[in-house]
């Protein structure tokens, strides 16, 4: 089973993504703050990170850069979701693999996730 980490402060979006991805047979772990994400068990490396940009305690783009610069997680794909940031701004500020604007079509998100996790380390 492939693992996805979600960093999203909006409870409704976080819970909906967690539920829908669980139905798609993903192991989903979610975090509502950057500090909670930072305190996670780093011995577990997921198959995908999903980061919101505007968090109560910082920017998801900064977390994206940190994960991309960490040798342990550098090859893990990152999906950025945001209602506030423009795609060009995100591309300039972090090395995310995919940008999704809120509100989003869940079928499009699932397709993007399937594409990003297809060649990852775990076999699901």
PDB file of N, CA and C in Angstrom:
ATOM      1  N   UNK A   1       0.842  -1.179   0.000  1.00  0.00           N
ATOM      2  CA  UNK A   1       0.000   0.000   0.000  1.00  0.00           C
ATOM      3  C   UNK A   1       0.890   1.245   0.000  1.00  0.00           C
ATOM      4  N   UNK A   2       0.545   2.185  -0.847  1.00  0.00           N
ATOM      5  CA  UNK A   2       1.329   3.409  -0.941  1.00  0.00           C
ATOM      6  C   UNK A   2       0.871   4.417   0.108  1.00  0.00           C
ATOM      7  N   UNK A   3       1.831   5.189   0.593  1.00  0.00           N
ATOM      8  CA  UNK A   3       1.581   6.132   1.678  1.00  0.00           C
ATOM      9  C   UNK A   3       1.614   7.564   1.162  1.00  0.00           C
ATOM     10  N   UNK A   4       0.645   8.358   1.592  1.00  0.00           N
ATOM     11  CA  UNK A   4       0.563   9.771   1.229  1.00  0.00           C
ATOM     12  C   UNK A   4       0.490  10.593   2.507  1.00  0.00           C
ATOM     13  N   UNK A   5       1.312  11.643   2.575  1.00  0.00           N
ATOM     14  CA  UNK A   5       1.261  12.597   3.683  1.00  0.00           C
ATOM     15  C   UNK A   5       0.592  13.872   3.183  1.00  0.00           C
ATOM     16  N   UNK A   6      -0.416  14.329   3.922  1.00  0.00           N
ATOM     17  CA  UNK A   6      -1.147  15.542   3.566  1.00  0.00           C
ATOM     18  C   UNK A   6      -0.900  16.603   4.632  1.00  0.00           C
ATOM     19  N   UNK A   7      -0.463  17.777   4.194  1.00  0.00           N
ATOM     20  CA  UNK A   7      -0.302  18.940   5.065  1.00  0.00           C
ATOM     21  C   UNK A   7      -1.336  19.967   4.620  1.00  0.00           C
ATOM     22  N   UNK A   8      -2.429  20.073   5.378  1.00  0.00           N
ATOM     23  CA  UNK A   8      -3.572  20.920   5.010  1.00  0.00           C
ATOM     24  C   UNK A   8      -4.257  21.388   6.284  1.00  0.00           C
ATOM     25  N   UNK A   9      -4.450  22.704   6.427  1.00  0.00           N
ATOM     26  CA  UNK A   9      -5.058  23.225   7.646  1.00  0.00           C
ATOM     27  C   UNK A   9      -6.579  23.243   7.602  1.00  0.00           C
ATOM     28  N   UNK A  10      -7.175  23.173   6.430  1.00  0.00           N
ATOM     29  CA  UNK A  10      -8.630  23.164   6.302  1.00  0.00           C
ATOM     30  C   UNK A  10      -9.151  21.763   6.624  1.00  0.00           C
ATOM     31  N   UNK A  11      -9.854  21.648   7.743  1.00  0.00           N
ATOM     32  CA  UNK A  11     -10.318  20.342   8.215  1.00  0.00           C
ATOM     33  C   UNK A  11     -11.173  19.628   7.179  1.00  0.00           C
ATOM     34  N   UNK A  12     -12.083  20.345   6.527  1.00  0.00           N
ATOM     35  CA  UNK A  12     -12.961  19.734   5.536  1.00  0.00           C
ATOM     36  C   UNK A  12     -12.197  19.143   4.367  1.00  0.00           C
ATOM     37  N   UNK A  13     -11.249  19.895   3.836  1.00  0.00           N
ATOM     38  CA  UNK A  13     -10.445  19.411   2.708  1.00  0.00           C
ATOM     39  C   UNK A  13      -9.554  18.259   3.154  1.00  0.00           C
ATOM     40  N   UNK A  14      -8.923  18.421   4.297  1.00  0.00           N
ATOM     41  CA  UNK A  14      -8.026  17.375   4.809  1.00  0.00           C
ATOM     42  C   UNK A  14      -8.784  16.064   5.025  1.00  0.00           C
ATOM     43  N   UNK A  15      -9.928  16.144   5.690  1.00  0.00           N
ATOM     44  CA  UNK A  15     -10.716  14.940   5.961  1.00  0.00           C
ATOM     45  C   UNK A  15     -11.253  14.314   4.678  1.00  0.00           C
ATOM     46  N   UNK A  16     -11.712  15.151   3.738  1.00  0.00           N
ATOM     47  CA  UNK A  16     -12.234  14.628   2.471  1.00  0.00           C
ATOM     48  C   UNK A  16     -11.138  13.914   1.689  1.00  0.00           C
ATOM     49  N   UNK A  17      -9.965  14.536   1.592  1.00  0.00           N
ATOM     50  CA  UNK A  17      -8.849  13.890   0.889  1.00  0.00           C
ATOM     51  C   UNK A  17      -8.463  12.587   1.571  1.00  0.00           C
ATOM     52  N   UNK A  18      -8.399  12.612   2.887  1.00  0.00           N
ATOM     53  CA  UNK A  18      -8.012  11.409   3.621  1.00  0.00           C
ATOM     54  C   UNK A  18      -9.012  10.281   3.372  1.00  0.00           C
ATOM     55  N   UNK A  19     -10.291  10.590   3.436  1.00  0.00           N
ATOM     56  CA  UNK A  19     -11.326   9.585   3.226  1.00  0.00           C
ATOM     57  C   UNK A  19     -11.293   9.044   1.796  1.00  0.00           C
ATOM     58  N   UNK A  20     -11.274   9.944   0.818  1.00  0.00           N
ATOM     59  CA  UNK A  20     -11.292   9.508  -0.580  1.00  0.00           C
ATOM     60  C   UNK A  20     -10.052   8.705  -0.947  1.00  0.00           C
ATOM     61  N   UNK A  21      -8.891   9.133  -0.474  1.00  0.00           N
ATOM     62  CA  UNK A  21      -7.658   8.402  -0.793  1.00  0.00           C
ATOM     63  C   UNK A  21      -7.608   7.063  -0.068  1.00  0.00           C
ATOM     64  N   UNK A  22      -8.188   6.992   1.111  1.00  0.00           N
ATOM     65  CA  UNK A  22      -8.277   5.703   1.808  1.00  0.00           C
ATOM     66  C   UNK A  22      -9.131   4.728   1.004  1.00  0.00           C
ATOM     67  N   UNK A  23     -10.229   5.227   0.420  1.00  0.00           N
ATOM     68  CA  UNK A  23     -11.071   4.389  -0.438  1.00  0.00           C
ATOM     69  C   UNK A  23     -10.309   3.916  -1.672  1.00  0.00           C
ATOM     70  N   UNK A  24      -9.315   4.698  -2.103  1.00  0.00           N
ATOM     71  CA  UNK A  24      -8.494   4.333  -3.267  1.00  0.00           C
ATOM     72  C   UNK A  24      -7.318   3.447  -2.860  1.00  0.00           C
ATOM     73  N   UNK A  25      -7.324   2.975  -1.620  1.00  0.00           N
ATOM     74  CA  UNK A  25      -6.321   2.045  -1.094  1.00  0.00           C
ATOM     75  C   UNK A  25      -4.949   2.681  -0.856  1.00  0.00           C
ATOM     76  N   UNK A  26      -4.954   3.933  -0.418  1.00  0.00           N
ATOM     77  CA  UNK A  26      -3.723   4.596   0.005  1.00  0.00           C
ATOM     78  C   UNK A  26      -3.716   4.665   1.531  1.00  0.00           C
ATOM     79  N   UNK A  27      -2.532   4.555   2.107  1.00  0.00           N
ATOM     80  CA  UNK A  27      -2.347   4.802   3.533  1.00  0.00           C
ATOM     81  C   UNK A  27      -2.106   6.301   3.669  1.00  0.00           C
ATOM     82  N   UNK A  28      -3.024   7.011   4.303  1.00  0.00           N
ATOM     83  CA  UNK A  28      -2.959   8.471   4.359  1.00  0.00           C
ATOM     84  C   UNK A  28      -2.709   8.928   5.788  1.00  0.00           C
ATOM     85  N   UNK A  29      -1.740   9.820   5.929  1.00  0.00           N
ATOM     86  CA  UNK A  29      -1.466  10.461   7.219  1.00  0.00           C
ATOM     87  C   UNK A  29      -1.568  11.962   6.997  1.00  0.00           C
ATOM     88  N   UNK A  30      -2.322  12.617   7.859  1.00  0.00           N
ATOM     89  CA  UNK A  30      -2.541  14.044   7.648  1.00  0.00           C
ATOM     90  C   UNK A  30      -2.053  14.869   8.828  1.00  0.00           C
ATOM     91  N   UNK A  31      -1.690  16.099   8.503  1.00  0.00           N
ATOM     92  CA  UNK A  31      -1.134  17.046   9.473  1.00  0.00           C
ATOM     93  C   UNK A  31      -1.814  18.395   9.249  1.00  0.00           C
ATOM     94  N   UNK A  32      -2.212  19.058  10.342  1.00  0.00           N
ATOM     95  CA  UNK A  32      -2.916  20.333  10.218  1.00  0.00           C
ATOM     96  C   UNK A  32      -1.999  21.539  10.389  1.00  0.00           C
ATOM     97  N   UNK A  33      -0.759  21.300  10.817  1.00  0.00           N
ATOM     98  CA  UNK A  33       0.213  22.389  10.968  1.00  0.00           C
ATOM     99  C   UNK A  33       1.586  21.922  10.486  1.00  0.00           C
ATOM    100  N   UNK A  34       2.417  22.880  10.156  1.00  0.00           N
ATOM    101  CA  UNK A  34       3.786  22.558   9.748  1.00  0.00           C
ATOM    102  C   UNK A  34       4.551  21.972  10.926  1.00  0.00           C
ATOM    103  N   UNK A  35       4.300  22.492  12.132  1.00  0.00           N
ATOM    104  CA  UNK A  35       5.020  21.951  13.290  1.00  0.00           C
ATOM    105  C   UNK A  35       4.664  20.485  13.527  1.00  0.00           C
ATOM    106  N   UNK A  36       3.397  20.105  13.354  1.00  0.00           N
ATOM    107  CA  UNK A  36       3.011  18.693  13.496  1.00  0.00           C
ATOM    108  C   UNK A  36       3.686  17.853  12.414  1.00  0.00           C
ATOM    109  N   UNK A  37       3.758  18.382  11.197  1.00  0.00           N
ATOM    110  CA  UNK A  37       4.419  17.676  10.099  1.00  0.00           C
ATOM    111  C   UNK A  37       5.909  17.503  10.396  1.00  0.00           C
ATOM    112  N   UNK A  38       6.530  18.545  10.924  1.00  0.00           N
ATOM    113  CA  UNK A  38       7.960  18.510  11.234  1.00  0.00           C
ATOM    114  C   UNK A  38       8.272  17.478  12.318  1.00  0.00           C
ATOM    115  N   UNK A  39       7.328  17.257  13.221  1.00  0.00           N
ATOM    116  CA  UNK A  39       7.525  16.312  14.323  1.00  0.00           C
ATOM    117  C   UNK A  39       7.162  14.869  13.959  1.00  0.00           C
ATOM    118  N   UNK A  40       6.810  14.613  12.690  1.00  0.00           N
ATOM    119  CA  UNK A  40       6.417  13.261  12.268  1.00  0.00           C
ATOM    120  C   UNK A  40       7.587  12.285  12.405  1.00  0.00           C
ATOM    121  N   UNK A  41       7.287  11.001  12.300  1.00  0.00           N
ATOM    122  CA  UNK A  41       8.309   9.950  12.297  1.00  0.00           C
ATOM    123  C   UNK A  41       9.010   9.981  10.941  1.00  0.00           C
ATOM    124  N   UNK A  42      10.219  10.510  10.911  1.00  0.00           N
ATOM    125  CA  UNK A  42      10.932  10.685   9.643  1.00  0.00           C
ATOM    126  C   UNK A  42      11.549   9.392   9.114  1.00  0.00           C
ATOM    127  N   UNK A  43      11.444   8.310   9.903  1.00  0.00           N
ATOM    128  CA  UNK A  43      11.956   7.030   9.404  1.00  0.00           C
ATOM    129  C   UNK A  43      11.017   6.450   8.346  1.00  0.00           C
ATOM    130  N   UNK A  44       9.777   6.950   8.301  1.00  0.00           N
ATOM    131  CA  UNK A  44       8.817   6.529   7.278  1.00  0.00           C
ATOM    132  C   UNK A  44       8.841   7.568   6.164  1.00  0.00           C
ATOM    133  N   UNK A  45       9.166   7.115   4.964  1.00  0.00           N
ATOM    134  CA  UNK A  45       9.196   8.017   3.810  1.00  0.00           C
ATOM    135  C   UNK A  45       7.986   7.679   2.936  1.00  0.00           C
ATOM    136  N   UNK A  46       7.084   8.648   2.733  1.00  0.00           N
ATOM    137  CA  UNK A  46       5.879   8.361   1.953  1.00  0.00           C
ATOM    138  C   UNK A  46       6.169   8.280   0.453  1.00  0.00           C
ATOM    139  N   UNK A  47       5.142   7.921  -0.296  1.00  0.00           N
ATOM    140  CA  UNK A  47       5.237   7.868  -1.755  1.00  0.00           C
ATOM    141  C   UNK A  47       4.855   9.200  -2.383  1.00  0.00           C
ATOM    142  N   UNK A  48       4.192  10.071  -1.608  1.00  0.00           N
ATOM    143  CA  UNK A  48       3.759  11.371  -2.107  1.00  0.00           C
ATOM    144  C   UNK A  48       3.506  12.307  -0.935  1.00  0.00           C
ATOM    145  N   UNK A  49       3.888  13.582  -1.131  1.00  0.00           N
ATOM    146  CA  UNK A  49       3.534  14.651  -0.198  1.00  0.00           C
ATOM    147  C   UNK A  49       2.499  15.534  -0.887  1.00  0.00           C
ATOM    148  N   UNK A  50       1.456  15.929  -0.153  1.00  0.00           N
ATOM    149  CA  UNK A  50       0.491  16.921  -0.629  1.00  0.00           C
ATOM    150  C   UNK A  50       0.529  18.074   0.364  1.00  0.00           C
ATOM    151  N   UNK A  51       0.911  19.263  -0.124  1.00  0.00           N
ATOM    152  CA  UNK A  51       1.055  20.431   0.746  1.00  0.00           C
ATOM    153  C   UNK A  51       0.126  21.553   0.311  1.00  0.00           C
ATOM    154  N   UNK A  52      -0.586  22.137   1.276  1.00  0.00           N
ATOM    155  CA  UNK A  52      -1.287  23.394   1.062  1.00  0.00           C
ATOM    156  C   UNK A  52      -0.234  24.496   1.172  1.00  0.00           C
ATOM    157  N   UNK A  53      -0.443  25.616   0.490  1.00  0.00           N
ATOM    158  CA  UNK A  53       0.542  26.700   0.547  1.00  0.00           C
ATOM    159  C   UNK A  53       0.389  27.517   1.826  1.00  0.00           C
ATOM    160  N   UNK A  54      -0.817  28.020   2.074  1.00  0.00           N
ATOM    161  CA  UNK A  54      -1.042  28.914   3.211  1.00  0.00           C
ATOM    162  C   UNK A  54      -1.400  28.108   4.452  1.00  0.00           C
ATOM    163  N   UNK A  55      -0.447  27.995   5.359  1.00  0.00           N
ATOM    164  CA  UNK A  55      -0.649  27.269   6.608  1.00  0.00           C
ATOM    165  C   UNK A  55      -0.620  28.269   7.767  1.00  0.00           C
ATOM    166  N   UNK A  56      -1.216  27.936   8.904  1.00  0.00           N
ATOM    167  CA  UNK A  56      -1.235  28.886  10.019  1.00  0.00           C
ATOM    168  C   UNK A  56       0.146  29.189  10.585  1.00  0.00           C
ATOM    169  N   UNK A  57       1.097  28.282  10.389  1.00  0.00           N
ATOM    170  CA  UNK A  57       2.428  28.485  10.967  1.00  0.00           C
ATOM    171  C   UNK A  57       3.541  28.504   9.920  1.00  0.00           C
ATOM    172  N   UNK A  58       3.201  28.899   8.700  1.00  0.00           N
ATOM    173  CA  UNK A  58       4.226  29.009   7.662  1.00  0.00           C
ATOM    174  C   UNK A  58       3.667  28.737   6.282  1.00  0.00           C
ATOM    175  N   UNK A  59       4.577  28.465   5.354  1.00  0.00           N
ATOM    176  CA  UNK A  59       4.201  28.233   3.959  1.00  0.00           C
ATOM    177  C   UNK A  59       4.525  26.808   3.531  1.00  0.00           C
ATOM    178  N   UNK A  60       3.570  26.183   2.861  1.00  0.00           N
ATOM    179  CA  UNK A  60       3.792  24.852   2.323  1.00  0.00           C
ATOM    180  C   UNK A  60       4.904  24.819   1.290  1.00  0.00           C
ATOM    181  N   UNK A  61       5.135  25.946   0.615  1.00  0.00           N
ATOM    182  CA  UNK A  61       6.231  25.992  -0.358  1.00  0.00           C
ATOM    183  C   UNK A  61       7.584  25.871   0.340  1.00  0.00           C
ATOM    184  N   UNK A  62       7.699  26.425   1.544  1.00  0.00           N
ATOM    185  CA  UNK A  62       8.938  26.264   2.312  1.00  0.00           C
ATOM    186  C   UNK A  62       9.132  24.802   2.712  1.00  0.00           C
ATOM    187  N   UNK A  63       8.042  24.145   3.107  1.00  0.00           N
ATOM    188  CA  UNK A  63       8.111  22.728   3.463  1.00  0.00           C
ATOM    189  C   UNK A  63       8.475  21.904   2.230  1.00  0.00           C
ATOM    190  N   UNK A  64       7.933  22.284   1.080  1.00  0.00           N
ATOM    191  CA  UNK A  64       8.278  21.626  -0.183  1.00  0.00           C
ATOM    192  C   UNK A  64       9.783  21.699  -0.416  1.00  0.00           C
ATOM    193  N   UNK A  65      10.341  22.883  -0.263  1.00  0.00           N
ATOM    194  CA  UNK A  65      11.790  23.041  -0.462  1.00  0.00           C
ATOM    195  C   UNK A  65      12.592  22.218   0.535  1.00  0.00           C
ATOM    196  N   UNK A  66      12.140  22.179   1.775  1.00  0.00           N
ATOM    197  CA  UNK A  66      12.846  21.388   2.790  1.00  0.00           C
ATOM    198  C   UNK A  66      12.833  19.908   2.437  1.00  0.00           C
ATOM    199  N   UNK A  67      11.682  19.391   1.996  1.00  0.00           N
ATOM    200  CA  UNK A  67      11.614  17.964   1.661  1.00  0.00           C
ATOM    201  C   UNK A  67      12.417  17.658   0.405  1.00  0.00           C
ATOM    202  N   UNK A  68      12.417  18.579  -0.553  1.00  0.00           N
ATOM    203  CA  UNK A  68      13.184  18.362  -1.785  1.00  0.00           C
ATOM    204  C   UNK A  68      14.693  18.473  -1.539  1.00  0.00           C
ATOM    205  N   UNK A  69      15.096  19.196  -0.489  1.00  0.00           N
ATOM    206  CA  UNK A  69      16.520  19.333  -0.167  1.00  0.00           C
ATOM    207  C   UNK A  69      17.016  18.282   0.820  1.00  0.00           C
ATOM    208  N   UNK A  70      16.106  17.493   1.367  1.00  0.00           N
ATOM    209  CA  UNK A  70      16.469  16.426   2.303  1.00  0.00           C
ATOM    210  C   UNK A  70      16.763  15.163   1.500  1.00  0.00           C
ATOM    211  N   UNK A  71      17.988  14.621   1.596  1.00  0.00           N
ATOM    212  CA  UNK A  71      18.336  13.432   0.800  1.00  0.00           C
ATOM    213  C   UNK A  71      17.374  12.263   0.994  1.00  0.00           C
ATOM    214  N   UNK A  72      16.782  12.153   2.177  1.00  0.00           N
ATOM    215  CA  UNK A  72      15.870  11.045   2.452  1.00  0.00           C
ATOM    216  C   UNK A  72      14.551  11.174   1.681  1.00  0.00           C
ATOM    217  N   UNK A  73      14.118  12.401   1.413  1.00  0.00           N
ATOM    218  CA  UNK A  73      12.823  12.606   0.758  1.00  0.00           C
ATOM    219  C   UNK A  73      12.919  13.352  -0.571  1.00  0.00           C
ATOM    220  N   UNK A  74      14.122  13.606  -1.053  1.00  0.00           N
ATOM    221  CA  UNK A  74      14.316  14.427  -2.252  1.00  0.00           C
ATOM    222  C   UNK A  74      13.620  13.879  -3.491  1.00  0.00           C
ATOM    223  N   UNK A  75      13.504  12.566  -3.592  1.00  0.00           N
ATOM    224  CA  UNK A  75      12.903  11.973  -4.792  1.00  0.00           C
ATOM    225  C   UNK A  75      11.394  11.749  -4.662  1.00  0.00           C
ATOM    226  N   UNK A  76      10.826  12.066  -3.506  1.00  0.00           N
ATOM    227  CA  UNK A  76       9.389  11.878  -3.299  1.00  0.00           C
ATOM    228  C   UNK A  76       8.634  13.011  -4.008  1.00  0.00           C
ATOM    229  N   UNK A  77       7.651  12.672  -4.849  1.00  0.00           N
ATOM    230  CA  UNK A  77       6.888  13.722  -5.536  1.00  0.00           C
ATOM    231  C   UNK A  77       6.119  14.601  -4.552  1.00  0.00           C
ATOM    232  N   UNK A  78       5.945  15.870  -4.946  1.00  0.00           N
ATOM    233  CA  UNK A  78       5.199  16.834  -4.136  1.00  0.00           C
ATOM    234  C   UNK A  78       4.082  17.429  -4.981  1.00  0.00           C
ATOM    235  N   UNK A  79       2.866  17.396  -4.428  1.00  0.00           N
ATOM    236  CA  UNK A  79       1.715  18.068  -5.026  1.00  0.00           C
ATOM    237  C   UNK A  79       1.383  19.257  -4.133  1.00  0.00           C
ATOM    238  N   UNK A  80       1.280  20.435  -4.739  1.00  0.00           N
ATOM    239  CA  UNK A  80       0.894  21.644  -4.014  1.00  0.00           C
ATOM    240  C   UNK A  80      -0.561  21.949  -4.351  1.00  0.00           C
ATOM    241  N   UNK A  81      -1.370  22.207  -3.313  1.00  0.00           N
ATOM    242  CA  UNK A  81      -2.752  22.624  -3.535  1.00  0.00           C
ATOM    243  C   UNK A  81      -2.953  23.968  -2.851  1.00  0.00           C
ATOM    244  N   UNK A  82      -3.608  24.897  -3.557  1.00  0.00           N
ATOM    245  CA  UNK A  82      -3.809  26.211  -2.960  1.00  0.00           C
ATOM    246  C   UNK A  82      -4.911  26.986  -3.660  1.00  0.00           C
ATOM    247  N   UNK A  83      -5.641  27.747  -2.872  1.00  0.00           N
ATOM    248  CA  UNK A  83      -6.626  28.673  -3.419  1.00  0.00           C
ATOM    249  C   UNK A  83      -6.021  30.059  -3.578  1.00  0.00           C
ATOM    250  N   UNK A  84      -4.900  30.308  -2.919  1.00  0.00           N
ATOM    251  CA  UNK A  84      -4.344  31.658  -2.851  1.00  0.00           C
ATOM    252  C   UNK A  84      -3.182  31.891  -3.800  1.00  0.00           C
ATOM    253  N   UNK A  85      -2.378  30.886  -4.005  1.00  0.00           N
ATOM    254  CA  UNK A  85      -1.165  31.065  -4.808  1.00  0.00           C
ATOM    255  C   UNK A  85      -1.457  30.812  -6.282  1.00  0.00           C
ATOM    256  N   UNK A  86      -0.744  31.498  -7.119  1.00  0.00           N
ATOM    257  CA  UNK A  86      -0.815  31.273  -8.560  1.00  0.00           C
ATOM    258  C   UNK A  86       0.226  30.225  -8.934  1.00  0.00           C
ATOM    259  N   UNK A  87      -0.068  29.456  -9.963  1.00  0.00           N
ATOM    260  CA  UNK A  87       0.825  28.392 -10.398  1.00  0.00           C
ATOM    261  C   UNK A  87       2.244  28.909 -10.634  1.00  0.00           C
ATOM    262  N   UNK A  88       2.379  30.041 -11.339  1.00  0.00           N
ATOM    263  CA  UNK A  88       3.710  30.589 -11.632  1.00  0.00           C
ATOM    264  C   UNK A  88       4.467  30.933 -10.353  1.00  0.00           C
ATOM    265  N   UNK A  89       3.757  31.480  -9.367  1.00  0.00           N
ATOM    266  CA  UNK A  89       4.394  31.828  -8.096  1.00  0.00           C
ATOM    267  C   UNK A  89       4.927  30.582  -7.402  1.00  0.00           C
ATOM    268  N   UNK A  90       4.126  29.518  -7.417  1.00  0.00           N
ATOM    269  CA  UNK A  90       4.535  28.274  -6.762  1.00  0.00           C
ATOM    270  C   UNK A  90       5.721  27.663  -7.484  1.00  0.00           C
ATOM    271  N   UNK A  91       5.680  27.645  -8.811  1.00  0.00           N
ATOM    272  CA  UNK A  91       6.781  27.082  -9.597  1.00  0.00           C
ATOM    273  C   UNK A  91       8.084  27.819  -9.290  1.00  0.00           C
ATOM    274  N   UNK A  92       8.001  29.133  -9.124  1.00  0.00           N
ATOM    275  CA  UNK A  92       9.198  29.919  -8.816  1.00  0.00           C
ATOM    276  C   UNK A  92       9.683  29.706  -7.384  1.00  0.00           C
ATOM    277  N   UNK A  93       8.767  29.404  -6.464  1.00  0.00           N
ATOM    278  CA  UNK A  93       9.144  29.344  -5.055  1.00  0.00           C
ATOM    279  C   UNK A  93       9.473  27.948  -4.544  1.00  0.00           C
ATOM    280  N   UNK A  94       9.094  26.907  -5.276  1.00  0.00           N
ATOM    281  CA  UNK A  94       9.447  25.553  -4.853  1.00  0.00           C
ATOM    282  C   UNK A  94       9.442  24.606  -6.046  1.00  0.00           C
ATOM    283  N   UNK A  95      10.024  23.460  -5.836  1.00  0.00           N
ATOM    284  CA  UNK A  95      10.184  22.490  -6.914  1.00  0.00           C
ATOM    285  C   UNK A  95       9.100  21.411  -6.838  1.00  0.00           C
ATOM    286  N   UNK A  96       7.834  21.832  -6.762  1.00  0.00           N
ATOM    287  CA  UNK A  96       6.725  20.875  -6.707  1.00  0.00           C
ATOM    288  C   UNK A  96       6.572  20.181  -8.054  1.00  0.00           C
ATOM    289  N   UNK A  97       6.091  18.948  -8.008  1.00  0.00           N
ATOM    290  CA  UNK A  97       5.872  18.181  -9.235  1.00  0.00           C
ATOM    291  C   UNK A  97       4.553  18.548  -9.902  1.00  0.00           C
ATOM    292  N   UNK A  98       3.548  18.894  -9.090  1.00  0.00           N
ATOM    293  CA  UNK A  98       2.217  19.219  -9.610  1.00  0.00           C
ATOM    294  C   UNK A  98       1.612  20.328  -8.761  1.00  0.00           C
ATOM    295  N   UNK A  99       0.888  21.244  -9.420  1.00  0.00           N
ATOM    296  CA  UNK A  99       0.144  22.292  -8.725  1.00  0.00           C
ATOM    297  C   UNK A  99      -1.340  22.101  -9.016  1.00  0.00           C
ATOM    298  N   UNK A 100      -2.157  22.122  -7.981  1.00  0.00           N
ATOM    299  CA  UNK A 100      -3.608  22.002  -8.116  1.00  0.00           C
ATOM    300  C   UNK A 100      -4.248  23.226  -7.463  1.00  0.00           C
ATOM    301  N   UNK A 101      -5.140  23.908  -8.196  1.00  0.00           N
ATOM    302  CA  UNK A 101      -5.858  25.061  -7.648  1.00  0.00           C
ATOM    303  C   UNK A 101      -7.117  24.606  -6.932  1.00  0.00           C
ATOM    304  N   UNK A 102      -7.401  25.257  -5.791  1.00  0.00           N
ATOM    305  CA  UNK A 102      -8.670  25.042  -5.100  1.00  0.00           C
ATOM    306  C   UNK A 102      -9.671  26.053  -5.645  1.00  0.00           C
ATOM    307  N   UNK A 103     -10.917  25.706  -5.795  1.00  0.00           N
ATOM    308  CA  UNK A 103     -11.464  24.365  -5.581  1.00  0.00           C
ATOM    309  C   UNK A 103     -10.998  23.427  -6.693  1.00  0.00           C
ATOM    310  N   UNK A 104     -10.895  22.148  -6.369  1.00  0.00           N
ATOM    311  CA  UNK A 104     -10.401  21.198  -7.356  1.00  0.00           C
ATOM    312  C   UNK A 104     -11.413  20.092  -7.606  1.00  0.00           C
ATOM    313  N   UNK A 105     -11.259  19.449  -8.753  1.00  0.00           N
ATOM    314  CA  UNK A 105     -12.072  18.286  -9.111  1.00  0.00           C
ATOM    315  C   UNK A 105     -11.365  17.069  -8.534  1.00  0.00           C
ATOM    316  N   UNK A 106     -12.035  16.333  -7.657  1.00  0.00           N
ATOM    317  CA  UNK A 106     -11.384  15.219  -6.966  1.00  0.00           C
ATOM    318  C   UNK A 106     -10.912  14.149  -7.946  1.00  0.00           C
ATOM    319  N   UNK A 107     -11.638  13.950  -9.047  1.00  0.00           N
ATOM    320  CA  UNK A 107     -11.203  12.958 -10.036  1.00  0.00           C
ATOM    321  C   UNK A 107      -9.868  13.362 -10.658  1.00  0.00           C
ATOM    322  N   UNK A 108      -9.692  14.662 -10.909  1.00  0.00           N
ATOM    323  CA  UNK A 108      -8.410  15.148 -11.437  1.00  0.00           C
ATOM    324  C   UNK A 108      -7.293  14.934 -10.422  1.00  0.00           C
ATOM    325  N   UNK A 109      -7.591  15.192  -9.159  1.00  0.00           N
ATOM    326  CA  UNK A 109      -6.589  15.009  -8.105  1.00  0.00           C
ATOM    327  C   UNK A 109      -6.190  13.536  -8.005  1.00  0.00           C
ATOM    328  N   UNK A 110      -7.174  12.639  -8.028  1.00  0.00           N
ATOM    329  CA  UNK A 110      -6.884  11.198  -7.954  1.00  0.00           C
ATOM    330  C   UNK A 110      -6.018  10.777  -9.139  1.00  0.00           C
ATOM    331  N   UNK A 111      -6.346  11.257 -10.337  1.00  0.00           N
ATOM    332  CA  UNK A 111      -5.551  10.924 -11.531  1.00  0.00           C
ATOM    333  C   UNK A 111      -4.117  11.409 -11.378  1.00  0.00           C
ATOM    334  N   UNK A 112      -3.943  12.637 -10.904  1.00  0.00           N
ATOM    335  CA  UNK A 112      -2.594  13.181 -10.696  1.00  0.00           C
ATOM    336  C   UNK A 112      -1.836  12.351  -9.659  1.00  0.00           C
ATOM    337  N   UNK A 113      -2.516  11.967  -8.586  1.00  0.00           N
ATOM    338  CA  UNK A 113      -1.878  11.164  -7.540  1.00  0.00           C
ATOM    339  C   UNK A 113      -1.465   9.805  -8.089  1.00  0.00           C
ATOM    340  N   UNK A 114      -2.347   9.182  -8.865  1.00  0.00           N
ATOM    341  CA  UNK A 114      -2.001   7.890  -9.476  1.00  0.00           C
ATOM    342  C   UNK A 114      -0.775   8.029 -10.367  1.00  0.00           C
ATOM    343  N   UNK A 115      -0.719   9.103 -11.151  1.00  0.00           N
ATOM    344  CA  UNK A 115       0.440   9.332 -12.026  1.00  0.00           C
ATOM    345  C   UNK A 115       1.719   9.552 -11.224  1.00  0.00           C
ATOM    346  N   UNK A 116       1.630  10.325 -10.151  1.00  0.00           N
ATOM    347  CA  UNK A 116       2.814  10.634  -9.346  1.00  0.00           C
ATOM    348  C   UNK A 116       3.324   9.427  -8.566  1.00  0.00           C
ATOM    349  N   UNK A 117       2.423   8.540  -8.165  1.00  0.00           N
ATOM    350  CA  UNK A 117       2.839   7.396  -7.343  1.00  0.00           C
ATOM    351  C   UNK A 117       3.074   6.130  -8.161  1.00  0.00           C
ATOM    352  N   UNK A 118       2.817   6.178  -9.443  1.00  0.00           N
ATOM    353  CA  UNK A 118       2.936   4.987 -10.284  1.00  0.00           C
ATOM    354  C   UNK A 118       4.323   4.356 -10.216  1.00  0.00           C
ATOM    355  N   UNK A 119       5.358   5.176 -10.268  1.00  0.00           N
ATOM    356  CA  UNK A 119       6.730   4.657 -10.314  1.00  0.00           C
ATOM    357  C   UNK A 119       7.454   4.775  -8.982  1.00  0.00           C
ATOM    358  N   UNK A 120       6.712   4.961  -7.907  1.00  0.00           N
ATOM    359  CA  UNK A 120       7.376   5.146  -6.615  1.00  0.00           C
ATOM    360  C   UNK A 120       7.834   3.829  -6.026  1.00  0.00           C
ATOM    361  N   UNK A 121       8.531   3.910  -4.901  1.00  0.00           N
ATOM    362  CA  UNK A 121       9.225   2.776  -4.302  1.00  0.00           C
ATOM    363  C   UNK A 121       8.322   1.634  -3.861  1.00  0.00           C
ATOM    364  N   UNK A 122       7.112   1.920  -3.415  1.00  0.00           N
ATOM    365  CA  UNK A 122       6.227   0.871  -2.904  1.00  0.00           C
ATOM    366  C   UNK A 122       5.442   0.249  -4.044  1.00  0.00           C
ATOM    367  N   UNK A 123       5.139  -1.004  -3.893  1.00  0.00           N
ATOM    368  CA  UNK A 123       4.272  -1.662  -4.855  1.00  0.00           C
ATOM    369  C   UNK A 123       2.926  -1.859  -4.196  1.00  0.00           C
ATOM    370  N   UNK A 124       1.875  -1.314  -4.807  1.00  0.00           N
ATOM    371  CA  UNK A 124       0.573  -1.383  -4.196  1.00  0.00           C
ATOM    372  C   UNK A 124      -0.290  -2.267  -4.966  1.00  0.00           C
TER     373      UNK A 124
END
